[in-house]
Amino acid sequence: MLKEYYEKFYVKASRSYRKLAVENRISEVRQWKKNVENNWQDVRIIIDSFKPNMEIHSGSSIPVRAIVWLGALRPEDVKIQMVVGDIDGETVFKSGKSFDMAYEGKMGDAHIYKGEIKCFRSGRHDFAVMVIPHNENIPHMSMPFFIKWNDN
């Protein structure tokens, strides 16, 4: 288990750092992170789809569309994900999975993303949409306090 963790995280991070150092891109990543930190307060997201208040059968799918305001950030600076999971009476996810949403285009100052929830098992479920920072040069993105959930 320790070896798997080492190979999955430390080896990958080490390779990524060496690649960035060789290509002199470390300052570019540092500037990207500072840009995200300075503009994160402008990020906002709403779900532009209804949440069905009815029985959905296993094997069905539900289209989801999100409207995202990024302020000075670009679509490539973030990742938009749906989180789908089991809920209890408090609508808190007991367990869940995240799925990337696809960029659809721009609408005024906002960006449109779409996805589809596949209903793969029975029970009470819910979903939410979140925005997280993303940079292809960083293998394991971890920026605590930089997650935005949908407003509605």
N, C-alpha and C. Protein backbone atom coordinates (compact mmCIF):
# COMPACT_ATOMS: atom_id res chain seq x y z
N MET A 1 0.81 -1.18 0.00
CA MET A 1 0.00 0.00 0.00
C MET A 1 0.87 1.26 0.00
N LEU A 2 1.92 1.27 0.78
CA LEU A 2 2.82 2.41 0.83
C LEU A 2 3.52 2.59 -0.52
N LYS A 3 3.92 1.49 -1.13
CA LYS A 3 4.59 1.56 -2.43
C LYS A 3 3.63 2.14 -3.48
N GLU A 4 2.39 1.71 -3.45
CA GLU A 4 1.39 2.22 -4.40
C GLU A 4 1.21 3.73 -4.22
N TYR A 5 1.10 4.19 -2.98
CA TYR A 5 0.95 5.62 -2.68
C TYR A 5 2.18 6.38 -3.19
N TYR A 6 3.36 5.85 -2.91
CA TYR A 6 4.61 6.47 -3.34
C TYR A 6 4.64 6.62 -4.85
N GLU A 7 4.30 5.55 -5.57
CA GLU A 7 4.34 5.59 -7.03
C GLU A 7 3.25 6.50 -7.61
N LYS A 8 2.09 6.49 -7.01
CA LYS A 8 0.97 7.27 -7.53
C LYS A 8 1.17 8.77 -7.33
N PHE A 9 1.74 9.17 -6.19
CA PHE A 9 1.84 10.58 -5.88
C PHE A 9 3.26 11.13 -5.95
N TYR A 10 4.19 10.55 -5.21
CA TYR A 10 5.54 11.11 -5.14
C TYR A 10 6.29 10.98 -6.46
N VAL A 11 6.25 9.84 -7.08
CA VAL A 11 6.97 9.65 -8.35
C VAL A 11 6.38 10.56 -9.42
N LYS A 12 5.07 10.62 -9.50
CA LYS A 12 4.41 11.47 -10.49
C LYS A 12 4.74 12.95 -10.26
N ALA A 13 4.71 13.39 -9.01
CA ALA A 13 5.03 14.78 -8.69
C ALA A 13 6.48 15.10 -9.01
N SER A 14 7.37 14.17 -8.72
CA SER A 14 8.79 14.37 -9.00
C SER A 14 9.03 14.50 -10.51
N ARG A 15 8.41 13.63 -11.29
CA ARG A 15 8.55 13.71 -12.76
C ARG A 15 8.00 15.04 -13.28
N SER A 16 6.87 15.45 -12.74
CA SER A 16 6.25 16.70 -13.17
C SER A 16 7.16 17.88 -12.86
N TYR A 17 7.73 17.91 -11.66
CA TYR A 17 8.63 19.00 -11.28
C TYR A 17 9.84 19.05 -12.20
N ARG A 18 10.45 17.89 -12.46
CA ARG A 18 11.62 17.87 -13.34
C ARG A 18 11.26 18.38 -14.74
N LYS A 19 10.10 17.99 -15.23
CA LYS A 19 9.66 18.44 -16.56
C LYS A 19 9.47 19.96 -16.56
N LEU A 20 8.84 20.49 -15.53
CA LEU A 20 8.63 21.93 -15.45
C LEU A 20 9.96 22.68 -15.33
N ALA A 21 10.90 22.12 -14.58
CA ALA A 21 12.20 22.76 -14.40
C ALA A 21 12.97 22.79 -15.72
N VAL A 22 12.95 21.69 -16.45
CA VAL A 22 13.66 21.62 -17.73
C VAL A 22 13.05 22.61 -18.72
N GLU A 23 11.74 22.73 -18.72
CA GLU A 23 11.06 23.63 -19.66
C GLU A 23 10.93 25.05 -19.12
N ASN A 24 11.55 25.35 -17.96
CA ASN A 24 11.49 26.67 -17.34
C ASN A 24 10.06 27.18 -17.19
N ARG A 25 9.16 26.32 -16.73
CA ARG A 25 7.75 26.69 -16.60
C ARG A 25 7.31 26.84 -15.15
N ILE A 26 8.23 26.75 -14.21
CA ILE A 26 7.86 26.86 -12.80
C ILE A 26 7.28 28.24 -12.49
N SER A 27 7.88 29.29 -13.02
CA SER A 27 7.35 30.64 -12.75
C SER A 27 5.98 30.83 -13.41
N GLU A 28 5.76 30.16 -14.53
CA GLU A 28 4.44 30.21 -15.19
C GLU A 28 3.37 29.58 -14.29
N VAL A 29 3.68 28.46 -13.67
CA VAL A 29 2.74 27.81 -12.77
C VAL A 29 2.52 28.67 -11.53
N ARG A 30 3.58 29.27 -11.01
CA ARG A 30 3.46 30.15 -9.85
C ARG A 30 2.55 31.34 -10.17
N GLN A 31 2.70 31.92 -11.36
CA GLN A 31 1.86 33.05 -11.77
C GLN A 31 0.40 32.60 -11.94
N TRP A 32 0.19 31.41 -12.50
CA TRP A 32 -1.17 30.88 -12.65
C TRP A 32 -1.84 30.75 -11.27
N LYS A 33 -1.12 30.19 -10.31
CA LYS A 33 -1.67 29.99 -8.96
C LYS A 33 -2.01 31.33 -8.32
N LYS A 34 -1.14 32.33 -8.48
CA LYS A 34 -1.41 33.66 -7.93
C LYS A 34 -2.64 34.27 -8.60
N ASN A 35 -2.80 34.07 -9.89
CA ASN A 35 -3.96 34.57 -10.63
C ASN A 35 -5.25 33.94 -10.10
N VAL A 36 -5.22 32.63 -9.86
CA VAL A 36 -6.39 31.94 -9.30
C VAL A 36 -6.71 32.51 -7.92
N GLU A 37 -5.71 32.65 -7.08
CA GLU A 37 -5.93 33.18 -5.73
C GLU A 37 -6.52 34.59 -5.76
N ASN A 38 -6.04 35.43 -6.67
CA ASN A 38 -6.50 36.82 -6.74
C ASN A 38 -7.90 36.97 -7.33
N ASN A 39 -8.35 36.00 -8.12
CA ASN A 39 -9.63 36.13 -8.81
C ASN A 39 -10.70 35.14 -8.37
N TRP A 40 -10.39 34.30 -7.40
CA TRP A 40 -11.32 33.24 -7.00
C TRP A 40 -12.64 33.80 -6.47
N GLN A 41 -12.61 34.96 -5.83
CA GLN A 41 -13.83 35.53 -5.27
C GLN A 41 -14.87 35.85 -6.34
N ASP A 42 -14.47 35.97 -7.61
CA ASP A 42 -15.40 36.28 -8.70
C ASP A 42 -16.05 35.05 -9.32
N VAL A 43 -15.61 33.86 -8.91
CA VAL A 43 -16.15 32.62 -9.48
C VAL A 43 -17.51 32.33 -8.86
N ARG A 44 -18.48 32.03 -9.72
CA ARG A 44 -19.83 31.71 -9.28
C ARG A 44 -20.44 30.69 -10.22
N ILE A 45 -21.27 29.82 -9.70
CA ILE A 45 -21.85 28.75 -10.52
C ILE A 45 -23.30 28.50 -10.11
N ILE A 46 -24.15 28.30 -11.12
CA ILE A 46 -25.53 27.89 -10.86
C ILE A 46 -25.87 26.72 -11.80
N ILE A 47 -26.80 25.91 -11.36
CA ILE A 47 -27.28 24.81 -12.20
C ILE A 47 -28.45 25.34 -13.00
N ASP A 48 -28.37 25.19 -14.31
CA ASP A 48 -29.41 25.66 -15.22
C ASP A 48 -30.25 24.47 -15.70
N SER A 49 -30.56 23.59 -14.80
CA SER A 49 -31.37 22.41 -15.09
C SER A 49 -32.24 22.18 -13.88
N PHE A 50 -33.38 21.59 -14.09
CA PHE A 50 -34.22 21.28 -12.93
C PHE A 50 -33.72 19.99 -12.30
N LYS A 51 -33.90 19.90 -11.00
CA LYS A 51 -33.61 18.65 -10.30
C LYS A 51 -34.93 17.90 -10.22
N PRO A 52 -35.02 16.77 -10.88
CA PRO A 52 -36.29 16.06 -10.89
C PRO A 52 -36.75 15.68 -9.50
N ASN A 53 -37.99 15.98 -9.22
CA ASN A 53 -38.59 15.61 -7.94
C ASN A 53 -39.55 14.45 -8.19
N MET A 54 -39.04 13.45 -8.87
CA MET A 54 -39.86 12.30 -9.24
C MET A 54 -38.97 11.08 -9.30
N GLU A 55 -39.58 9.97 -9.52
CA GLU A 55 -38.86 8.71 -9.61
C GLU A 55 -38.13 8.62 -10.95
N ILE A 56 -36.85 8.35 -10.90
CA ILE A 56 -36.04 8.15 -12.10
C ILE A 56 -35.60 6.69 -12.08
N HIS A 57 -35.77 6.01 -13.17
CA HIS A 57 -35.45 4.58 -13.21
C HIS A 57 -33.98 4.33 -13.50
N SER A 58 -33.48 3.27 -12.92
CA SER A 58 -32.10 2.85 -13.15
C SER A 58 -31.88 2.64 -14.64
N GLY A 59 -30.76 3.14 -15.12
CA GLY A 59 -30.46 3.06 -16.55
C GLY A 59 -30.80 4.34 -17.28
N SER A 60 -31.59 5.21 -16.65
CA SER A 60 -31.94 6.50 -17.25
C SER A 60 -30.78 7.47 -17.07
N SER A 61 -30.87 8.59 -17.75
CA SER A 61 -29.88 9.64 -17.55
C SER A 61 -30.58 10.99 -17.48
N ILE A 62 -29.95 11.92 -16.78
CA ILE A 62 -30.49 13.25 -16.58
C ILE A 62 -29.48 14.25 -17.11
N PRO A 63 -29.87 15.09 -18.07
CA PRO A 63 -28.93 16.12 -18.55
C PRO A 63 -28.77 17.22 -17.52
N VAL A 64 -27.55 17.73 -17.38
CA VAL A 64 -27.26 18.81 -16.44
C VAL A 64 -26.50 19.88 -17.20
N ARG A 65 -26.93 21.12 -16.99
CA ARG A 65 -26.26 22.26 -17.60
C ARG A 65 -25.93 23.25 -16.50
N ALA A 66 -24.71 23.76 -16.49
CA ALA A 66 -24.27 24.71 -15.47
C ALA A 66 -23.83 26.01 -16.14
N ILE A 67 -24.14 27.11 -15.49
CA ILE A 67 -23.67 28.43 -15.93
C ILE A 67 -22.62 28.87 -14.93
N VAL A 68 -21.44 29.22 -15.44
CA VAL A 68 -20.30 29.53 -14.59
C VAL A 68 -19.73 30.89 -14.96
N TRP A 69 -19.60 31.75 -13.95
CA TRP A 69 -18.94 33.03 -14.12
C TRP A 69 -17.53 32.89 -13.56
N LEU A 70 -16.54 33.21 -14.37
CA LEU A 70 -15.15 33.01 -13.97
C LEU A 70 -14.40 34.31 -13.69
N GLY A 71 -15.03 35.44 -13.91
CA GLY A 71 -14.31 36.70 -13.72
C GLY A 71 -13.14 36.77 -14.68
N ALA A 72 -11.95 37.02 -14.17
CA ALA A 72 -10.75 37.14 -15.01
C ALA A 72 -10.10 35.79 -15.34
N LEU A 73 -10.63 34.71 -14.76
CA LEU A 73 -10.07 33.38 -15.05
C LEU A 73 -10.57 32.89 -16.41
N ARG A 74 -9.84 31.94 -16.97
CA ARG A 74 -10.20 31.34 -18.26
C ARG A 74 -10.75 29.94 -18.02
N PRO A 75 -11.55 29.42 -18.95
CA PRO A 75 -12.07 28.05 -18.80
C PRO A 75 -10.96 27.02 -18.57
N GLU A 76 -9.79 27.23 -19.15
CA GLU A 76 -8.71 26.25 -18.95
C GLU A 76 -8.06 26.36 -17.57
N ASP A 77 -8.41 27.38 -16.79
CA ASP A 77 -7.88 27.53 -15.43
C ASP A 77 -8.67 26.73 -14.40
N VAL A 78 -9.81 26.18 -14.81
CA VAL A 78 -10.68 25.49 -13.87
C VAL A 78 -11.19 24.17 -14.46
N LYS A 79 -11.75 23.38 -13.58
CA LYS A 79 -12.44 22.16 -13.99
C LYS A 79 -13.82 22.23 -13.34
N ILE A 80 -14.85 21.91 -14.12
CA ILE A 80 -16.21 21.90 -13.62
C ILE A 80 -16.62 20.44 -13.48
N GLN A 81 -17.08 20.07 -12.29
CA GLN A 81 -17.44 18.69 -12.04
C GLN A 81 -18.80 18.59 -11.38
N MET A 82 -19.53 17.52 -11.74
CA MET A 82 -20.77 17.15 -11.05
C MET A 82 -20.38 16.14 -9.99
N VAL A 83 -20.97 16.26 -8.84
CA VAL A 83 -20.78 15.27 -7.79
C VAL A 83 -22.15 14.64 -7.56
N VAL A 84 -22.23 13.34 -7.73
CA VAL A 84 -23.48 12.60 -7.62
C VAL A 84 -23.31 11.58 -6.51
N GLY A 85 -24.31 11.51 -5.63
CA GLY A 85 -24.16 10.55 -4.55
C GLY A 85 -25.44 10.24 -3.81
N ASP A 86 -25.34 9.27 -2.92
CA ASP A 86 -26.44 8.88 -2.04
C ASP A 86 -26.63 9.98 -1.01
N ILE A 87 -27.87 10.19 -0.62
CA ILE A 87 -28.14 11.20 0.40
C ILE A 87 -28.93 10.59 1.55
N ASP A 88 -28.85 11.28 2.69
CA ASP A 88 -29.70 10.90 3.80
C ASP A 88 -30.78 11.97 3.93
N GLY A 89 -31.52 12.00 4.98
CA GLY A 89 -32.61 12.95 5.15
C GLY A 89 -32.17 14.40 5.17
N GLU A 90 -30.90 14.66 5.39
CA GLU A 90 -30.39 16.03 5.46
C GLU A 90 -29.81 16.50 4.12
N THR A 91 -29.99 15.71 3.06
CA THR A 91 -29.40 15.98 1.73
C THR A 91 -27.89 16.16 1.80
N VAL A 92 -27.25 15.35 2.61
CA VAL A 92 -25.80 15.34 2.69
C VAL A 92 -25.31 14.09 1.99
N PHE A 93 -24.30 14.24 1.14
CA PHE A 93 -23.77 13.08 0.44
C PHE A 93 -23.12 12.12 1.43
N LYS A 94 -23.59 10.89 1.42
CA LYS A 94 -22.95 9.85 2.23
C LYS A 94 -21.79 9.25 1.45
N SER A 95 -21.97 9.13 0.16
CA SER A 95 -20.91 8.66 -0.72
C SER A 95 -21.20 9.27 -2.08
N GLY A 96 -20.20 9.39 -2.89
CA GLY A 96 -20.44 10.01 -4.19
C GLY A 96 -19.28 9.84 -5.14
N LYS A 97 -19.55 10.22 -6.37
CA LYS A 97 -18.54 10.18 -7.44
C LYS A 97 -18.58 11.52 -8.15
N SER A 98 -17.43 11.93 -8.67
CA SER A 98 -17.40 13.17 -9.43
C SER A 98 -17.14 12.86 -10.91
N PHE A 99 -17.75 13.69 -11.75
CA PHE A 99 -17.63 13.54 -13.20
C PHE A 99 -17.35 14.91 -13.80
N ASP A 100 -16.40 14.98 -14.71
CA ASP A 100 -16.10 16.24 -15.39
C ASP A 100 -17.24 16.63 -16.30
N MET A 101 -17.50 17.92 -16.38
CA MET A 101 -18.49 18.45 -17.30
C MET A 101 -17.76 19.01 -18.51
N ALA A 102 -18.42 19.03 -19.66
CA ALA A 102 -17.80 19.49 -20.91
C ALA A 102 -18.14 20.95 -21.17
N TYR A 103 -17.16 21.67 -21.66
CA TYR A 103 -17.37 23.08 -22.02
C TYR A 103 -18.23 23.15 -23.27
N GLU A 104 -19.29 23.97 -23.20
CA GLU A 104 -20.21 24.09 -24.32
C GLU A 104 -20.05 25.40 -25.07
N GLY A 105 -19.70 26.47 -24.37
CA GLY A 105 -19.54 27.76 -25.02
C GLY A 105 -19.74 28.90 -24.06
N LYS A 106 -19.77 30.10 -24.61
CA LYS A 106 -19.88 31.30 -23.81
C LYS A 106 -21.25 31.94 -24.04
N MET A 107 -21.80 32.54 -22.96
CA MET A 107 -23.08 33.23 -23.04
C MET A 107 -22.91 34.53 -22.25
N GLY A 108 -22.65 35.63 -22.95
CA GLY A 108 -22.37 36.89 -22.26
C GLY A 108 -21.08 36.78 -21.48
N ASP A 109 -21.14 37.08 -20.18
CA ASP A 109 -19.95 36.98 -19.32
C ASP A 109 -19.78 35.58 -18.74
N ALA A 110 -20.74 34.70 -18.99
CA ALA A 110 -20.73 33.37 -18.38
C ALA A 110 -20.28 32.30 -19.37
N HIS A 111 -19.92 31.16 -18.81
CA HIS A 111 -19.53 29.99 -19.59
C HIS A 111 -20.52 28.87 -19.30
N ILE A 112 -20.85 28.10 -20.33
CA ILE A 112 -21.83 27.03 -20.20
C ILE A 112 -21.10 25.69 -20.24
N TYR A 113 -21.46 24.83 -19.29
CA TYR A 113 -20.92 23.48 -19.23
C TYR A 113 -22.08 22.50 -19.20
N LYS A 114 -21.85 21.33 -19.76
CA LYS A 114 -22.92 20.33 -19.75
C LYS A 114 -22.38 18.98 -19.34
N GLY A 115 -23.27 18.18 -18.84
CA GLY A 115 -22.93 16.83 -18.43
C GLY A 115 -24.18 16.00 -18.36
N GLU A 116 -24.01 14.76 -18.00
CA GLU A 116 -25.14 13.85 -17.92
C GLU A 116 -24.95 12.93 -16.73
N ILE A 117 -25.99 12.82 -15.94
CA ILE A 117 -25.94 11.91 -14.80
C ILE A 117 -26.57 10.59 -15.23
N LYS A 118 -25.82 9.55 -15.12
CA LYS A 118 -26.33 8.21 -15.41
C LYS A 118 -26.84 7.61 -14.10
N CYS A 119 -28.09 7.25 -14.09
CA CYS A 119 -28.69 6.64 -12.89
C CYS A 119 -28.33 5.16 -12.90
N PHE A 120 -27.33 4.80 -12.13
CA PHE A 120 -26.78 3.44 -12.19
C PHE A 120 -27.28 2.53 -11.09
N ARG A 121 -28.00 3.07 -10.08
CA ARG A 121 -28.56 2.20 -9.05
C ARG A 121 -29.72 2.90 -8.36
N SER A 122 -30.50 2.16 -7.64
CA SER A 122 -31.69 2.71 -7.00
C SER A 122 -31.34 3.38 -5.68
N GLY A 123 -32.31 4.13 -5.14
CA GLY A 123 -32.13 4.80 -3.87
C GLY A 123 -32.26 6.30 -4.03
N ARG A 124 -32.13 7.01 -2.92
CA ARG A 124 -32.21 8.47 -2.95
C ARG A 124 -30.85 9.05 -3.29
N HIS A 125 -30.84 9.89 -4.31
CA HIS A 125 -29.60 10.50 -4.79
C HIS A 125 -29.81 11.99 -4.99
N ASP A 126 -28.72 12.71 -5.04
CA ASP A 126 -28.75 14.12 -5.36
C ASP A 126 -27.44 14.44 -6.08
N PHE A 127 -27.35 15.65 -6.59
CA PHE A 127 -26.11 16.06 -7.23
C PHE A 127 -25.86 17.53 -6.96
N ALA A 128 -24.61 17.91 -7.11
CA ALA A 128 -24.18 19.30 -7.00
C ALA A 128 -23.10 19.50 -8.06
N VAL A 129 -22.82 20.74 -8.35
CA VAL A 129 -21.79 21.07 -9.32
C VAL A 129 -20.76 21.95 -8.64
N MET A 130 -19.49 21.68 -8.90
CA MET A 130 -18.43 22.46 -8.27
C MET A 130 -17.41 22.92 -9.30
N VAL A 131 -16.71 23.99 -8.95
CA VAL A 131 -15.60 24.53 -9.73
C VAL A 131 -14.36 24.34 -8.89
N ILE A 132 -13.32 23.80 -9.50
CA ILE A 132 -12.03 23.65 -8.82
C ILE A 132 -10.93 24.15 -9.75
N PRO A 133 -9.83 24.66 -9.20
CA PRO A 133 -8.72 25.08 -10.05
C PRO A 133 -8.15 23.89 -10.81
N HIS A 134 -7.65 24.16 -12.01
CA HIS A 134 -7.06 23.09 -12.82
C HIS A 134 -5.91 23.67 -13.64
N ASN A 135 -4.80 22.97 -13.63
CA ASN A 135 -3.65 23.33 -14.46
C ASN A 135 -3.02 22.02 -14.91
N GLU A 136 -2.92 21.84 -16.21
CA GLU A 136 -2.42 20.57 -16.74
C GLU A 136 -0.97 20.29 -16.34
N ASN A 137 -0.25 21.30 -15.87
CA ASN A 137 1.13 21.11 -15.45
C ASN A 137 1.26 20.62 -14.01
N ILE A 138 0.16 20.57 -13.29
CA ILE A 138 0.19 20.14 -11.90
C ILE A 138 -0.52 18.79 -11.80
N PRO A 139 0.20 17.72 -11.45
CA PRO A 139 -0.38 16.38 -11.49
C PRO A 139 -1.49 16.13 -10.48
N HIS A 140 -1.37 16.67 -9.28
CA HIS A 140 -2.37 16.46 -8.23
C HIS A 140 -2.74 17.82 -7.67
N MET A 141 -3.80 18.36 -8.20
CA MET A 141 -4.21 19.71 -7.79
C MET A 141 -4.74 19.66 -6.37
N SER A 142 -4.17 20.48 -5.53
CA SER A 142 -4.68 20.60 -4.17
C SER A 142 -4.50 22.04 -3.74
N MET A 143 -5.59 22.79 -3.77
CA MET A 143 -5.59 24.17 -3.29
C MET A 143 -6.72 24.29 -2.28
N PRO A 144 -6.41 24.02 -1.02
CA PRO A 144 -7.45 24.11 0.01
C PRO A 144 -8.16 25.46 -0.05
N PHE A 145 -9.44 25.44 0.22
CA PHE A 145 -10.30 26.62 0.23
C PHE A 145 -10.63 27.13 -1.17
N PHE A 146 -10.24 26.41 -2.20
CA PHE A 146 -10.54 26.83 -3.56
C PHE A 146 -11.47 25.82 -4.23
N ILE A 147 -12.66 25.73 -3.69
CA ILE A 147 -13.74 24.93 -4.29
C ILE A 147 -14.99 25.80 -4.20
N LYS A 148 -15.68 25.95 -5.30
CA LYS A 148 -16.94 26.70 -5.29
C LYS A 148 -18.05 25.73 -5.68
N TRP A 149 -19.13 25.71 -4.88
CA TRP A 149 -20.29 24.87 -5.15
C TRP A 149 -21.39 25.72 -5.76
N ASN A 150 -22.29 25.07 -6.47
CA ASN A 150 -23.40 25.78 -7.10
C ASN A 150 -24.24 26.53 -6.07
N ASP A 151 -24.76 27.70 -6.49
CA ASP A 151 -25.58 28.54 -5.62
C ASP A 151 -26.96 27.98 -5.38
N ASN A 152 -27.51 27.27 -6.33
CA ASN A 152 -28.90 26.80 -6.20
C ASN A 152 -28.96 25.33 -5.94
